[in-house]
N, C-alpha and C. Protein backbone atom coordinates (compact mmCIF):
# COMPACT_ATOMS: atom_id res chain seq x y z
N MET A 1 -2.80 -15.50 2.42
CA MET A 1 -2.89 -14.11 2.52
C MET A 1 -2.63 -13.50 1.22
N ARG A 2 -3.18 -12.34 0.84
CA ARG A 2 -2.96 -11.81 -0.20
C ARG A 2 -2.65 -10.43 -0.11
N LEU A 3 -1.58 -9.74 -0.79
CA LEU A 3 -1.13 -8.36 -0.75
C LEU A 3 -1.94 -7.82 -1.80
N ARG A 4 -2.54 -6.48 -1.27
CA ARG A 4 -3.32 -5.70 -2.14
C ARG A 4 -2.97 -4.21 -2.17
N VAL A 5 -2.83 -3.82 -3.30
CA VAL A 5 -2.19 -2.17 -3.43
C VAL A 5 -3.57 -1.64 -3.97
N VAL A 6 -4.01 -0.67 -3.12
CA VAL A 6 -5.39 0.07 -3.57
C VAL A 6 -5.11 1.60 -3.82
N CYS A 7 -5.04 2.06 -4.88
CA CYS A 7 -4.60 3.72 -5.19
C CYS A 7 -5.66 4.49 -5.81
N VAL A 8 -5.79 5.58 -5.44
CA VAL A 8 -6.69 6.59 -5.91
C VAL A 8 -5.86 7.20 -7.20
N GLY A 9 -6.67 7.00 -8.33
CA GLY A 9 -6.01 7.33 -9.72
C GLY A 9 -5.10 6.53 -10.28
N ARG A 10 -4.51 6.84 -11.70
CA ARG A 10 -4.25 6.03 -12.69
C ARG A 10 -2.78 6.60 -12.72
N MET A 11 -1.88 5.79 -12.93
CA MET A 11 -0.25 6.17 -13.36
C MET A 11 -0.08 6.57 -14.61
N LYS A 12 0.54 7.51 -14.81
CA LYS A 12 0.65 7.93 -16.15
C LYS A 12 1.92 7.33 -16.71
N ALA A 13 2.16 7.14 -18.04
CA ALA A 13 3.08 6.60 -18.57
C ALA A 13 4.35 7.52 -18.36
N GLY A 14 5.46 6.68 -18.34
CA GLY A 14 6.61 7.27 -17.88
C GLY A 14 7.59 6.48 -17.01
N PRO A 15 8.49 7.07 -16.72
CA PRO A 15 9.60 6.40 -15.89
C PRO A 15 9.22 5.82 -14.56
N GLU A 16 8.34 6.56 -13.85
CA GLU A 16 7.87 6.15 -12.60
C GLU A 16 6.96 5.01 -12.98
N ARG A 17 6.23 5.06 -13.98
CA ARG A 17 5.15 3.75 -13.90
C ARG A 17 6.24 2.50 -14.07
N GLU A 18 7.18 2.84 -14.93
CA GLU A 18 8.02 1.35 -15.45
C GLU A 18 8.58 1.09 -14.05
N LEU A 19 9.33 2.01 -13.28
CA LEU A 19 9.78 1.41 -11.99
C LEU A 19 8.81 1.12 -11.03
N PHE A 20 7.73 1.45 -11.09
CA PHE A 20 6.68 0.94 -10.20
C PHE A 20 6.29 -0.55 -10.64
N GLU A 21 6.08 -0.69 -12.02
CA GLU A 21 5.93 -1.94 -12.66
C GLU A 21 7.02 -3.20 -12.16
N ARG A 22 8.33 -2.51 -12.34
CA ARG A 22 9.31 -3.50 -12.07
C ARG A 22 9.33 -3.97 -10.81
N TYR A 23 9.25 -3.04 -9.73
CA TYR A 23 9.12 -3.55 -8.29
C TYR A 23 7.92 -4.41 -7.95
N PHE A 24 6.58 -4.08 -8.63
CA PHE A 24 5.50 -4.82 -8.43
C PHE A 24 5.46 -6.21 -8.88
N ARG A 25 6.31 -6.26 -10.13
CA ARG A 25 6.52 -7.43 -10.98
C ARG A 25 7.50 -8.41 -9.87
N ARG A 26 8.39 -7.67 -9.36
CA ARG A 26 9.35 -8.62 -8.54
C ARG A 26 8.48 -9.00 -7.02
N LEU A 27 7.78 -8.10 -6.52
CA LEU A 27 6.98 -8.40 -5.55
C LEU A 27 5.97 -9.56 -5.89
N ALA A 28 5.54 -9.68 -6.81
CA ALA A 28 4.35 -10.88 -7.16
C ALA A 28 5.13 -12.04 -7.22
N ASP A 29 6.30 -11.80 -7.89
CA ASP A 29 7.12 -13.03 -8.23
C ASP A 29 7.62 -13.64 -6.98
N ALA A 30 8.05 -12.85 -6.08
CA ALA A 30 8.63 -13.25 -4.58
C ALA A 30 7.79 -13.63 -3.50
N ALA A 31 6.42 -13.49 -3.59
CA ALA A 31 5.41 -13.49 -2.92
C ALA A 31 5.39 -14.65 -2.38
N ARG A 32 4.99 -15.76 -3.00
CA ARG A 32 4.99 -17.15 -2.58
C ARG A 32 6.20 -17.73 -1.65
N SER A 33 7.42 -17.31 -1.83
CA SER A 33 8.48 -17.52 -0.79
C SER A 33 8.37 -17.01 0.52
N ALA A 34 7.44 -16.05 0.82
CA ALA A 34 7.20 -15.75 2.02
C ALA A 34 5.82 -15.81 2.42
N GLY A 35 5.09 -16.92 1.95
CA GLY A 35 4.03 -17.33 2.49
C GLY A 35 2.78 -16.38 2.03
N ILE A 36 2.68 -15.60 1.00
CA ILE A 36 1.93 -14.70 0.42
C ILE A 36 1.22 -15.26 -0.82
N ALA A 37 0.01 -15.42 -0.96
CA ALA A 37 -0.66 -16.20 -1.96
C ALA A 37 -0.66 -15.56 -3.30
N GLY A 38 -0.65 -14.22 -3.26
CA GLY A 38 -0.58 -13.25 -4.47
C GLY A 38 -0.64 -11.80 -4.05
N VAL A 39 -0.47 -11.21 -5.28
CA VAL A 39 -0.54 -9.59 -5.06
C VAL A 39 -1.31 -8.95 -6.18
N ASP A 40 -1.91 -8.03 -5.89
CA ASP A 40 -2.84 -7.39 -6.91
C ASP A 40 -2.88 -5.80 -6.65
N LEU A 41 -3.26 -5.28 -7.56
CA LEU A 41 -3.36 -3.82 -7.68
C LEU A 41 -4.90 -3.12 -8.06
N ARG A 42 -5.34 -2.57 -7.32
CA ARG A 42 -6.70 -2.06 -7.64
C ARG A 42 -6.61 -0.47 -7.77
N GLU A 43 -6.93 -0.06 -8.96
CA GLU A 43 -6.97 1.72 -9.01
C GLU A 43 -8.35 1.98 -9.06
N ILE A 44 -8.79 3.12 -8.26
CA ILE A 44 -9.96 3.80 -8.03
C ILE A 44 -10.02 5.01 -8.73
N ALA A 45 -10.81 5.34 -9.48
CA ALA A 45 -11.00 6.34 -10.00
C ALA A 45 -11.28 7.76 -9.00
N GLU A 46 -10.51 9.00 -9.41
CA GLU A 46 -10.54 10.04 -8.62
C GLU A 46 -11.87 10.59 -8.45
N SER A 47 -12.34 11.28 -7.47
CA SER A 47 -13.67 11.64 -7.40
C SER A 47 -13.64 12.93 -8.03
N ARG A 48 -14.81 13.19 -8.50
CA ARG A 48 -15.11 14.53 -9.12
C ARG A 48 -16.09 15.59 -8.39
N ALA A 49 -16.38 15.42 -7.18
CA ALA A 49 -17.05 16.12 -6.23
C ALA A 49 -16.28 17.48 -6.14
N ARG A 50 -17.03 18.42 -5.87
CA ARG A 50 -16.55 19.77 -5.78
C ARG A 50 -15.70 20.20 -4.44
N ARG A 51 -16.26 19.66 -3.34
CA ARG A 51 -15.56 19.84 -2.11
C ARG A 51 -14.54 19.09 -1.65
N THR A 52 -13.32 19.09 -1.15
CA THR A 52 -12.26 18.30 -0.83
C THR A 52 -12.75 17.06 0.21
N GLU A 53 -13.73 17.65 1.12
CA GLU A 53 -14.35 16.48 2.11
C GLU A 53 -15.07 15.60 1.36
N ASP A 54 -15.73 16.08 0.49
CA ASP A 54 -16.85 14.99 -0.27
C ASP A 54 -15.97 14.17 -1.22
N ARG A 55 -14.91 14.56 -1.86
CA ARG A 55 -13.75 13.82 -2.65
C ARG A 55 -13.30 12.66 -1.75
N ARG A 56 -12.95 13.17 -0.67
CA ARG A 56 -12.02 12.24 0.20
C ARG A 56 -13.19 11.23 0.44
N SER A 57 -14.52 11.62 0.95
CA SER A 57 -15.25 10.58 1.52
C SER A 57 -15.70 9.58 0.36
N GLU A 58 -15.99 10.00 -0.80
CA GLU A 58 -16.29 9.09 -2.16
C GLU A 58 -15.30 8.29 -2.28
N GLU A 59 -13.86 8.46 -2.30
CA GLU A 59 -12.87 7.76 -2.60
C GLU A 59 -12.56 6.81 -1.32
N ALA A 60 -12.88 7.15 -0.15
CA ALA A 60 -12.88 6.41 0.91
C ALA A 60 -13.90 5.07 0.72
N ALA A 61 -14.97 5.45 0.31
CA ALA A 61 -16.15 4.43 0.04
C ALA A 61 -15.37 3.46 -1.03
N ALA A 62 -14.87 3.99 -1.98
CA ALA A 62 -14.47 2.94 -3.01
C ALA A 62 -13.47 2.28 -2.61
N ILE A 63 -12.53 2.97 -1.55
CA ILE A 63 -11.33 1.98 -1.43
C ILE A 63 -11.65 0.93 -0.42
N ARG A 64 -12.85 1.30 0.64
CA ARG A 64 -13.37 0.22 1.28
C ARG A 64 -13.95 -1.01 0.65
N ALA A 65 -14.48 -0.63 -0.58
CA ALA A 65 -15.19 -1.70 -1.51
C ALA A 65 -14.11 -2.61 -1.91
N ALA A 66 -12.82 -1.80 -2.18
CA ALA A 66 -12.05 -2.66 -3.09
C ALA A 66 -10.97 -3.44 -2.34
N ALA A 67 -11.02 -3.11 -0.87
CA ALA A 67 -10.17 -3.81 0.11
C ALA A 67 -10.93 -4.78 0.75
N PRO A 68 -10.36 -5.95 0.99
CA PRO A 68 -11.21 -7.12 1.82
C PRO A 68 -11.58 -6.83 3.06
N SER A 69 -12.82 -6.90 3.43
CA SER A 69 -13.37 -6.54 4.61
C SER A 69 -12.57 -7.17 5.87
N ALA A 70 -12.07 -8.40 5.74
CA ALA A 70 -11.76 -8.98 6.78
C ALA A 70 -10.16 -8.81 6.93
N GLY A 71 -9.59 -8.08 5.89
CA GLY A 71 -8.12 -7.91 5.88
C GLY A 71 -7.49 -6.65 6.70
N ALA A 72 -6.33 -6.62 6.86
CA ALA A 72 -5.69 -5.54 7.73
C ALA A 72 -5.50 -4.34 6.49
N LEU A 73 -6.14 -3.10 6.86
CA LEU A 73 -5.95 -1.98 6.03
C LEU A 73 -4.72 -1.18 6.47
N VAL A 74 -3.83 -0.65 5.37
CA VAL A 74 -2.98 0.02 6.09
C VAL A 74 -2.66 1.29 5.05
N ALA A 75 -2.92 2.32 5.90
CA ALA A 75 -2.97 3.62 5.25
C ALA A 75 -1.53 4.38 5.01
N LEU A 76 -1.32 4.83 3.77
CA LEU A 76 -0.02 5.73 3.61
C LEU A 76 -0.39 6.96 3.77
N ASP A 77 0.05 7.68 4.80
CA ASP A 77 -0.16 9.18 5.34
C ASP A 77 0.88 9.77 5.79
N GLU A 78 1.32 11.18 5.55
CA GLU A 78 2.35 11.52 6.12
C GLU A 78 2.26 11.77 7.89
N ARG A 79 1.07 11.64 8.22
CA ARG A 79 0.84 11.82 9.62
C ARG A 79 1.03 10.38 10.33
N GLY A 80 1.43 9.24 9.63
CA GLY A 80 1.61 7.91 10.11
C GLY A 80 2.81 7.93 10.84
N GLN A 81 3.03 6.63 11.32
CA GLN A 81 4.57 6.33 12.01
C GLN A 81 5.35 5.94 10.80
N SER A 82 6.71 5.88 10.98
CA SER A 82 7.65 5.81 9.96
C SER A 82 8.43 4.43 10.44
N PRO A 83 8.01 3.23 10.12
CA PRO A 83 8.59 2.10 10.69
C PRO A 83 9.87 1.73 9.66
N THR A 84 10.76 1.00 10.40
CA THR A 84 11.90 0.36 9.67
C THR A 84 11.23 -0.45 8.62
N SER A 85 12.09 -0.77 7.77
CA SER A 85 11.87 -2.07 6.62
C SER A 85 11.53 -3.11 7.52
N GLU A 86 12.24 -3.62 8.54
CA GLU A 86 12.26 -4.93 9.17
C GLU A 86 10.97 -4.95 9.89
N GLN A 87 10.31 -3.62 10.43
CA GLN A 87 9.19 -3.66 11.34
C GLN A 87 7.99 -3.76 10.43
N TRP A 88 7.98 -3.18 9.36
CA TRP A 88 7.11 -3.29 8.20
C TRP A 88 6.83 -4.67 7.63
N ALA A 89 7.83 -5.37 7.52
CA ALA A 89 8.02 -6.96 7.33
C ALA A 89 7.42 -7.78 8.25
N ALA A 90 7.72 -7.42 9.63
CA ALA A 90 7.38 -8.08 10.68
C ALA A 90 5.61 -7.91 10.89
N ASP A 91 5.31 -6.61 10.63
CA ASP A 91 3.95 -6.50 10.64
C ASP A 91 3.12 -7.33 9.52
N ILE A 92 3.79 -7.38 8.40
CA ILE A 92 2.92 -8.19 7.39
C ILE A 92 2.95 -9.65 7.64
N ALA A 93 4.11 -10.08 8.47
CA ALA A 93 4.44 -11.36 8.84
C ALA A 93 3.09 -11.78 10.11
N ALA A 94 2.78 -10.84 10.72
CA ALA A 94 1.95 -10.93 11.81
C ALA A 94 0.44 -11.19 11.33
N VAL A 95 0.19 -10.32 10.31
CA VAL A 95 -0.99 -10.31 9.67
C VAL A 95 -1.25 -11.79 9.26
N ARG A 96 -0.19 -12.24 8.26
CA ARG A 96 -0.11 -13.16 7.64
C ARG A 96 -0.29 -14.57 8.63
N ASP A 97 0.43 -14.49 9.48
CA ASP A 97 0.57 -15.58 10.74
C ASP A 97 -1.03 -15.41 11.63
N ALA A 98 -1.60 -14.53 11.68
CA ALA A 98 -3.08 -14.33 11.93
C ALA A 98 -3.92 -15.12 11.15
N SER A 99 -3.57 -15.31 10.10
CA SER A 99 -4.60 -15.99 9.10
C SER A 99 -5.54 -15.12 8.54
N ARG A 100 -5.29 -13.76 8.50
CA ARG A 100 -6.24 -12.72 7.73
C ARG A 100 -6.02 -12.90 6.10
N PRO A 101 -7.19 -12.77 5.50
CA PRO A 101 -7.11 -12.94 4.21
C PRO A 101 -6.50 -12.20 3.28
N ALA A 102 -6.18 -10.64 3.82
CA ALA A 102 -5.64 -9.91 2.79
C ALA A 102 -4.79 -8.65 3.86
N TYR A 103 -3.72 -8.22 3.19
CA TYR A 103 -3.13 -6.99 3.68
C TYR A 103 -3.19 -5.99 2.54
N ALA A 104 -4.00 -4.99 2.86
CA ALA A 104 -4.27 -3.93 1.87
C ALA A 104 -3.55 -2.59 2.18
N VAL A 105 -2.63 -2.20 1.31
CA VAL A 105 -1.87 -1.06 1.42
C VAL A 105 -2.75 0.06 0.53
N ILE A 106 -3.20 1.21 1.13
CA ILE A 106 -3.94 2.07 0.53
C ILE A 106 -3.35 3.54 0.16
N ILE A 107 -3.27 3.91 -0.98
CA ILE A 107 -2.73 5.27 -1.25
C ILE A 107 -3.88 6.16 -1.84
N GLY A 108 -4.03 7.23 -1.17
CA GLY A 108 -4.66 8.28 -1.52
C GLY A 108 -4.50 9.06 -2.66
N GLY A 109 -5.46 9.83 -3.00
CA GLY A 109 -5.30 10.72 -4.36
C GLY A 109 -4.86 12.00 -3.88
N PRO A 110 -4.90 13.16 -4.89
CA PRO A 110 -4.41 14.33 -4.53
C PRO A 110 -4.85 15.01 -3.44
N ASP A 111 -6.16 14.74 -2.86
CA ASP A 111 -6.24 15.29 -1.48
C ASP A 111 -6.26 14.51 -0.38
N GLY A 112 -5.46 13.55 -0.39
CA GLY A 112 -4.98 12.48 0.69
C GLY A 112 -6.18 11.59 0.84
N LEU A 113 -6.27 10.91 2.04
CA LEU A 113 -7.08 10.01 2.53
C LEU A 113 -8.08 10.57 3.54
N ASP A 114 -9.39 10.12 3.43
CA ASP A 114 -10.26 10.49 4.45
C ASP A 114 -9.68 10.34 6.07
N PRO A 115 -9.98 11.12 6.75
CA PRO A 115 -9.39 10.84 8.19
C PRO A 115 -10.01 9.47 8.96
N GLY A 116 -11.42 9.40 8.51
CA GLY A 116 -11.94 8.16 9.17
C GLY A 116 -11.35 6.85 8.70
N LEU A 117 -10.87 6.93 7.44
CA LEU A 117 -10.15 5.64 6.70
C LEU A 117 -8.83 5.62 7.62
N CYS A 118 -8.16 6.65 7.87
CA CYS A 118 -6.76 6.34 8.49
C CYS A 118 -7.09 5.89 10.07
N GLU A 119 -8.23 6.47 10.56
CA GLU A 119 -8.53 5.65 11.97
C GLU A 119 -8.94 4.50 11.97
N ALA A 120 -9.69 3.97 10.80
CA ALA A 120 -10.09 2.72 10.86
C ALA A 120 -9.03 1.68 10.39
N ALA A 121 -7.77 2.37 10.07
CA ALA A 121 -6.77 1.46 9.59
C ALA A 121 -6.24 0.54 10.74
N HIS A 122 -5.61 -0.53 10.26
CA HIS A 122 -4.68 -1.51 11.04
C HIS A 122 -3.42 -0.82 11.62
N ARG A 123 -2.97 0.06 10.24
CA ARG A 123 -1.62 0.89 10.66
C ARG A 123 -1.91 2.12 9.69
N THR A 124 -1.21 3.13 10.11
CA THR A 124 -0.88 4.34 9.34
C THR A 124 0.57 4.50 9.21
N ILE A 125 1.06 4.47 7.94
CA ILE A 125 2.71 4.45 7.81
C ILE A 125 2.89 5.66 6.91
N SER A 126 4.06 6.20 7.25
CA SER A 126 4.41 7.43 6.55
C SER A 126 5.78 7.30 5.93
N PHE A 127 6.06 7.63 4.75
CA PHE A 127 7.28 7.58 4.07
C PHE A 127 8.16 9.01 4.51
N GLY A 128 7.76 9.58 5.46
CA GLY A 128 8.33 10.81 6.09
C GLY A 128 7.24 12.14 6.09
N ALA A 129 7.72 13.07 6.66
CA ALA A 129 6.78 14.11 6.83
C ALA A 129 6.62 15.00 5.54
N MET A 130 7.34 14.91 4.48
CA MET A 130 7.28 15.75 3.50
C MET A 130 6.05 14.89 2.74
N THR A 131 5.44 15.82 1.78
CA THR A 131 4.26 15.63 0.88
C THR A 131 5.31 14.89 -0.40
N TRP A 132 4.92 13.53 -0.92
CA TRP A 132 5.15 13.03 -1.91
C TRP A 132 4.19 12.89 -3.12
N PRO A 133 4.88 12.86 -4.36
CA PRO A 133 3.96 12.97 -5.46
C PRO A 133 3.45 11.44 -5.63
N HIS A 134 2.15 11.38 -5.98
CA HIS A 134 1.43 10.22 -5.97
C HIS A 134 2.12 9.14 -6.58
N GLN A 135 2.78 9.31 -7.93
CA GLN A 135 3.43 8.47 -8.58
C GLN A 135 4.68 7.66 -7.86
N LEU A 136 5.45 8.61 -7.01
CA LEU A 136 6.67 8.34 -6.29
C LEU A 136 6.26 7.54 -5.27
N VAL A 137 5.11 7.83 -4.30
CA VAL A 137 4.61 7.22 -3.42
C VAL A 137 4.43 5.41 -3.67
N ARG A 138 3.80 5.28 -5.08
CA ARG A 138 3.48 4.14 -5.55
C ARG A 138 4.78 3.21 -5.77
N VAL A 139 5.67 3.97 -6.23
CA VAL A 139 7.10 3.54 -6.55
C VAL A 139 7.84 2.90 -5.17
N MET A 140 7.61 3.99 -4.45
CA MET A 140 8.27 3.47 -2.98
C MET A 140 7.45 2.42 -2.10
N ALA A 141 5.93 2.40 -2.37
CA ALA A 141 5.32 1.52 -1.55
C ALA A 141 5.58 0.16 -2.33
N ALA A 142 5.88 0.02 -3.42
CA ALA A 142 6.10 -1.24 -4.42
C ALA A 142 7.35 -1.73 -3.79
N GLU A 143 8.48 -0.77 -3.85
CA GLU A 143 9.79 -1.22 -3.43
C GLU A 143 9.85 -1.71 -2.09
N GLN A 144 9.28 -1.05 -1.00
CA GLN A 144 9.14 -1.37 0.26
C GLN A 144 8.52 -2.67 0.67
N LEU A 145 7.30 -3.06 -0.09
CA LEU A 145 6.67 -4.08 -0.02
C LEU A 145 7.78 -5.33 -0.64
N TYR A 146 8.29 -5.10 -1.85
CA TYR A 146 8.98 -6.13 -2.30
C TYR A 146 10.40 -6.42 -1.25
N ARG A 147 10.86 -5.26 -0.66
CA ARG A 147 11.90 -5.32 0.44
C ARG A 147 11.44 -6.34 1.57
N ALA A 148 10.06 -6.03 2.16
CA ALA A 148 9.43 -6.63 3.10
C ALA A 148 9.30 -8.24 2.94
N ILE A 149 9.18 -8.58 1.57
CA ILE A 149 9.15 -9.80 1.31
C ILE A 149 10.40 -10.54 1.09
N THR A 150 11.46 -10.01 0.84
CA THR A 150 12.63 -10.52 0.53
C THR A 150 13.02 -10.75 2.11
N ILE A 151 12.81 -9.74 2.96
CA ILE A 151 13.17 -9.95 4.56
C ILE A 151 12.55 -11.19 5.21
N LEU A 152 11.32 -11.45 4.58
CA LEU A 152 10.60 -12.24 5.27
C LEU A 152 11.07 -13.70 4.68
N SER A 153 11.56 -13.63 3.64
CA SER A 153 11.97 -14.86 2.64
C SER A 153 13.59 -15.18 2.71
N GLY A 154 14.29 -14.36 3.58
CA GLY A 154 15.79 -14.61 3.90
C GLY A 154 16.38 -14.10 2.74
N HIS A 155 15.84 -13.64 1.53
CA HIS A 155 16.54 -13.26 0.32
C HIS A 155 17.57 -11.86 0.69
N PRO A 156 18.73 -12.02 0.05
CA PRO A 156 19.87 -11.17 0.59
C PRO A 156 19.52 -9.71 -0.15
N TYR A 157 18.44 -9.41 -0.78
CA TYR A 157 18.29 -8.07 -1.50
C TYR A 157 18.58 -7.03 -0.34
N HIS A 158 17.88 -7.18 1.07
CA HIS A 158 17.73 -6.38 2.12
C HIS A 158 19.06 -6.70 2.63
N ARG A 159 19.87 -5.38 2.77
CA ARG A 159 21.11 -5.70 3.48
C ARG A 159 21.25 -4.29 4.63
N ALA A 160 20.99 -4.72 5.85
CA ALA A 160 20.89 -3.80 6.74
C ALA A 160 22.15 -3.29 7.57
């Protein structure tokens, strides 16, 4: 199984990008120890449609194209559940152990994710009820995915 992070938009240069890259690199380096074949990032261009619904719809189509069709799609959305790090790690392990080809975490653009995409997702996860800046969500996703991998591999990074 591969881990894939699919994001709408690109990160700007700065400390958030550096922090994201640090955790994403750690994630990629640790993945094999947890039975993950690899990790990759796909960035989707923001839609330029005029209406919010049209932008979300266009971005959803691009996300679906970037996410493996037989993989588990995990939407990050403030209306989702807030699992513990251990619960997220267990979900990743369950998908891996079911021999699914990918676990794709999706992060929407400024208008959020298309509701149909969230409904079709394997899981919808929230980092809390507050709205977070896109760049910080990427950092938090990379860190939590890295944490999940360290939990699965028995690495001491995660101390509960």
